[in-house]
Structures are given as C-alpha cells and as structure tokens.
Amino acid sequence: MTSTDLKNKKENSTIDKTDKKEGSFPLKAVYNIPLEVNIVLGSRKMSVAQVLDIKPNSIIELDRKENEPVEIHINGRCVAYGEVIIVGDKIGVTITSIVIPDSSE
C-alpha cells in the first residue's frame, strides 16, 4: 500500500470519531488540516568552507549510526521514532515508538 493509498483511505474514511458528550468538538472538523511531516535521518554541523567544498559524489557523514532509529517530526516536533524500510521503489518508515509528551507541554 503506497502513501497515496493510505492518504486516500484516511480521507475517504467514514469513521465518526466525534465524542458523544454534549458540547464536544467533532474531530472530523480537523481531518483535512495539512501537517508538515519530516523524517530526520541525522544532522551535521558544517562550516561555510565545508559546505562550499561539497561537489557530486561528496559524502556527508551524519550523527546517527546505521541501525539507529530515525526521528519523525510533525510541524517541527519529534512525535515518534522509526526504522527506514524500502517499499517497492520508495523509501518508508516503520514506526517503532511514539513520543509521550511531557504533561507540562
């Protein structure tokens, strides 16, 4: 199943997740709000000189090890971790853990 199939399945879902309590907010009202999802493979600090030296076939080493989980960010906040997988000719991520937000956030 491709990411497009998953998106279409979610958009066409008829499940009503509205809380039945009086005065509650229907969750369906926010289903189509766009969110930015980013998968963070790693990072690296580089000087301007190092960046200017990048050319085809350059390798930029990241701060993560080979089998270390990647971060899943939604709107700039880390919400989960996962493992990179290959799905047909595309790259995907299997969610391995969900970040439980601190109650003070």
C-alpha atoms as a PDB file:
ATOM      1  CA  MET A   1       0.000   0.000   0.000  1.00  0.00           C
ATOM      2  CA  THR A   2       1.517   3.329  -1.034  1.00  0.00           C
ATOM      3  CA  SER A   3       1.452   6.554   0.959  1.00  0.00           C
ATOM      4  CA  THR A   4      -1.090   7.892  -1.557  1.00  0.00           C
ATOM      5  CA  ASP A   5      -3.331   4.864  -0.925  1.00  0.00           C
ATOM      6  CA  LEU A   6      -3.053   5.463   2.833  1.00  0.00           C
ATOM      7  CA  LYS A   7      -3.879   9.161   2.385  1.00  0.00           C
ATOM      8  CA  ASN A   8      -6.912   8.349   0.222  1.00  0.00           C
ATOM      9  CA  LYS A   9      -8.070   5.703   2.675  1.00  0.00           C
ATOM     10  CA  LYS A  10      -7.892   8.211   5.551  1.00  0.00           C
ATOM     11  CA  GLU A  11      -9.645  10.946   3.555  1.00  0.00           C
ATOM     12  CA  ASN A  12     -12.454   8.589   2.498  1.00  0.00           C
ATOM     13  CA  SER A  13     -12.934   7.064   5.935  1.00  0.00           C
ATOM     14  CA  THR A  14     -16.468   7.179   7.285  1.00  0.00           C
ATOM     15  CA  ILE A  15     -15.498   6.560  10.890  1.00  0.00           C
ATOM     16  CA  ASP A  16     -17.039   9.240  13.079  1.00  0.00           C
ATOM     17  CA  LYS A  17     -14.661   9.978  15.921  1.00  0.00           C
ATOM     18  CA  THR A  18     -16.894  12.646  17.422  1.00  0.00           C
ATOM     19  CA  ASP A  19     -17.116  12.461  21.169  1.00  0.00           C
ATOM     20  CA  LYS A  20     -20.790  11.985  22.053  1.00  0.00           C
ATOM     21  CA  LYS A  21     -20.612  14.321  25.076  1.00  0.00           C
ATOM     22  CA  GLU A  22     -22.644  17.494  24.797  1.00  0.00           C
ATOM     23  CA  GLY A  23     -20.601  20.478  23.565  1.00  0.00           C
ATOM     24  CA  SER A  24     -17.644  18.369  22.437  1.00  0.00           C
ATOM     25  CA  PHE A  25     -15.590  19.216  19.369  1.00  0.00           C
ATOM     26  CA  PRO A  26     -16.006  16.872  16.370  1.00  0.00           C
ATOM     27  CA  LEU A  27     -12.531  15.621  15.409  1.00  0.00           C
ATOM     28  CA  LYS A  28     -13.684  15.256  11.809  1.00  0.00           C
ATOM     29  CA  ALA A  29     -13.536  19.059  11.577  1.00  0.00           C
ATOM     30  CA  VAL A  30      -9.714  18.961  11.682  1.00  0.00           C
ATOM     31  CA  TYR A  31      -9.057  15.899   9.481  1.00  0.00           C
ATOM     32  CA  ASN A  32      -8.077  17.956   6.418  1.00  0.00           C
ATOM     33  CA  ILE A  33      -5.746  20.434   8.125  1.00  0.00           C
ATOM     34  CA  PRO A  34      -2.351  19.993   6.445  1.00  0.00           C
ATOM     35  CA  LEU A  35       0.596  18.995   8.627  1.00  0.00           C
ATOM     36  CA  GLU A  36       4.259  19.010   7.694  1.00  0.00           C
ATOM     37  CA  VAL A  37       5.815  15.589   8.304  1.00  0.00           C
ATOM     38  CA  ASN A  38       9.596  15.214   8.157  1.00  0.00           C
ATOM     39  CA  ILE A  39      11.767  12.156   8.698  1.00  0.00           C
ATOM     40  CA  VAL A  40      15.106  13.134  10.209  1.00  0.00           C
ATOM     41  CA  LEU A  41      17.889  10.763   9.185  1.00  0.00           C
ATOM     42  CA  GLY A  42      20.508  12.763  11.051  1.00  0.00           C
ATOM     43  CA  SER A  43      22.327  16.052  11.117  1.00  0.00           C
ATOM     44  CA  ARG A  44      25.788  17.524  10.981  1.00  0.00           C
ATOM     45  CA  LYS A  45      27.271  20.916  11.735  1.00  0.00           C
ATOM     46  CA  MET A  46      29.454  22.210   8.932  1.00  0.00           C
ATOM     47  CA  SER A  47      31.425  25.374   8.331  1.00  0.00           C
ATOM     48  CA  VAL A  48      30.770  27.581   5.333  1.00  0.00           C
ATOM     49  CA  ALA A  49      34.052  26.356   3.827  1.00  0.00           C
ATOM     50  CA  GLN A  50      32.930  22.709   4.171  1.00  0.00           C
ATOM     51  CA  VAL A  51      29.573  23.453   2.554  1.00  0.00           C
ATOM     52  CA  LEU A  52      31.242  25.309  -0.318  1.00  0.00           C
ATOM     53  CA  ASP A  53      33.520  22.295  -0.835  1.00  0.00           C
ATOM     54  CA  ILE A  54      30.553  19.923  -1.481  1.00  0.00           C
ATOM     55  CA  LYS A  55      30.503  18.507  -5.002  1.00  0.00           C
ATOM     56  CA  PRO A  56      28.935  15.493  -6.747  1.00  0.00           C
ATOM     57  CA  ASN A  57      29.922  12.221  -5.028  1.00  0.00           C
ATOM     58  CA  SER A  58      30.795  14.039  -1.779  1.00  0.00           C
ATOM     59  CA  ILE A  59      29.751  12.115   1.324  1.00  0.00           C
ATOM     60  CA  ILE A  60      28.305  13.943   4.309  1.00  0.00           C
ATOM     61  CA  GLU A  61      28.500  11.838   7.461  1.00  0.00           C
ATOM     62  CA  LEU A  62      25.575  12.250   9.838  1.00  0.00           C
ATOM     63  CA  ASP A  63      25.372  11.939  13.604  1.00  0.00           C
ATOM     64  CA  ARG A  64      23.401   8.668  13.568  1.00  0.00           C
ATOM     65  CA  LYS A  65      24.635   5.107  13.473  1.00  0.00           C
ATOM     66  CA  GLU A  66      23.480   2.634  10.802  1.00  0.00           C
ATOM     67  CA  ASN A  67      20.677   0.930  12.761  1.00  0.00           C
ATOM     68  CA  GLU A  68      19.746   3.855  14.986  1.00  0.00           C
ATOM     69  CA  PRO A  69      16.067   4.934  14.755  1.00  0.00           C
ATOM     70  CA  VAL A  70      15.150   7.989  12.689  1.00  0.00           C
ATOM     71  CA  GLU A  71      13.008  10.782  14.112  1.00  0.00           C
ATOM     72  CA  ILE A  72       9.515  11.504  12.810  1.00  0.00           C
ATOM     73  CA  HIS A  73       8.667  15.200  13.168  1.00  0.00           C
ATOM     74  CA  ILE A  74       5.227  16.730  12.699  1.00  0.00           C
ATOM     75  CA  ASN A  75       5.203  20.515  12.412  1.00  0.00           C
ATOM     76  CA  GLY A  76       8.746  20.661  13.792  1.00  0.00           C
ATOM     77  CA  ARG A  77       8.143  18.493  16.861  1.00  0.00           C
ATOM     78  CA  CYS A  78       9.504  14.963  17.306  1.00  0.00           C
ATOM     79  CA  VAL A  79       6.465  12.721  17.799  1.00  0.00           C
ATOM     80  CA  ALA A  80       7.863   9.254  17.078  1.00  0.00           C
ATOM     81  CA  TYR A  81      10.861   7.139  16.101  1.00  0.00           C
ATOM     82  CA  GLY A  82      11.102   4.571  13.371  1.00  0.00           C
ATOM     83  CA  GLU A  83      13.167   2.369  11.074  1.00  0.00           C
ATOM     84  CA  VAL A  84      13.811   3.128   7.411  1.00  0.00           C
ATOM     85  CA  ILE A  85      12.363   0.491   5.071  1.00  0.00           C
ATOM     86  CA  ILE A  86      12.098   0.001   1.318  1.00  0.00           C
ATOM     87  CA  VAL A  87       8.541  -0.250  -0.067  1.00  0.00           C
ATOM     88  CA  GLY A  88       8.744  -1.189  -3.739  1.00  0.00           C
ATOM     89  CA  ASP A  89      10.842   1.558  -5.305  1.00  0.00           C
ATOM     90  CA  LYS A  90      10.213   4.052  -2.479  1.00  0.00           C
ATOM     91  CA  ILE A  91      11.602   4.649   0.996  1.00  0.00           C
ATOM     92  CA  GLY A  92       9.294   4.422   4.000  1.00  0.00           C
ATOM     93  CA  VAL A  93       9.459   4.407   7.777  1.00  0.00           C
ATOM     94  CA  THR A  94       8.051   1.826  10.180  1.00  0.00           C
ATOM     95  CA  ILE A  95       7.016   3.499  13.436  1.00  0.00           C
ATOM     96  CA  THR A  96       8.769   1.799  16.354  1.00  0.00           C
ATOM     97  CA  SER A  97       7.837   4.103  19.216  1.00  0.00           C
ATOM     98  CA  ILE A  98       5.648   7.110  19.933  1.00  0.00           C
ATOM     99  CA  VAL A  99       6.917  10.049  21.991  1.00  0.00           C
ATOM    100  CA  ILE A 100       4.718  10.635  25.026  1.00  0.00           C
ATOM    101  CA  PRO A 101       4.520  14.418  25.534  1.00  0.00           C
ATOM    102  CA  ASP A 102       5.505  15.834  28.901  1.00  0.00           C
ATOM    103  CA  SER A 103       2.401  16.956  30.830  1.00  0.00           C
ATOM    104  CA  SER A 104       3.907  20.463  31.098  1.00  0.00           C
ATOM    105  CA  GLU A 105       3.829  20.942  27.286  1.00  0.00           C
END
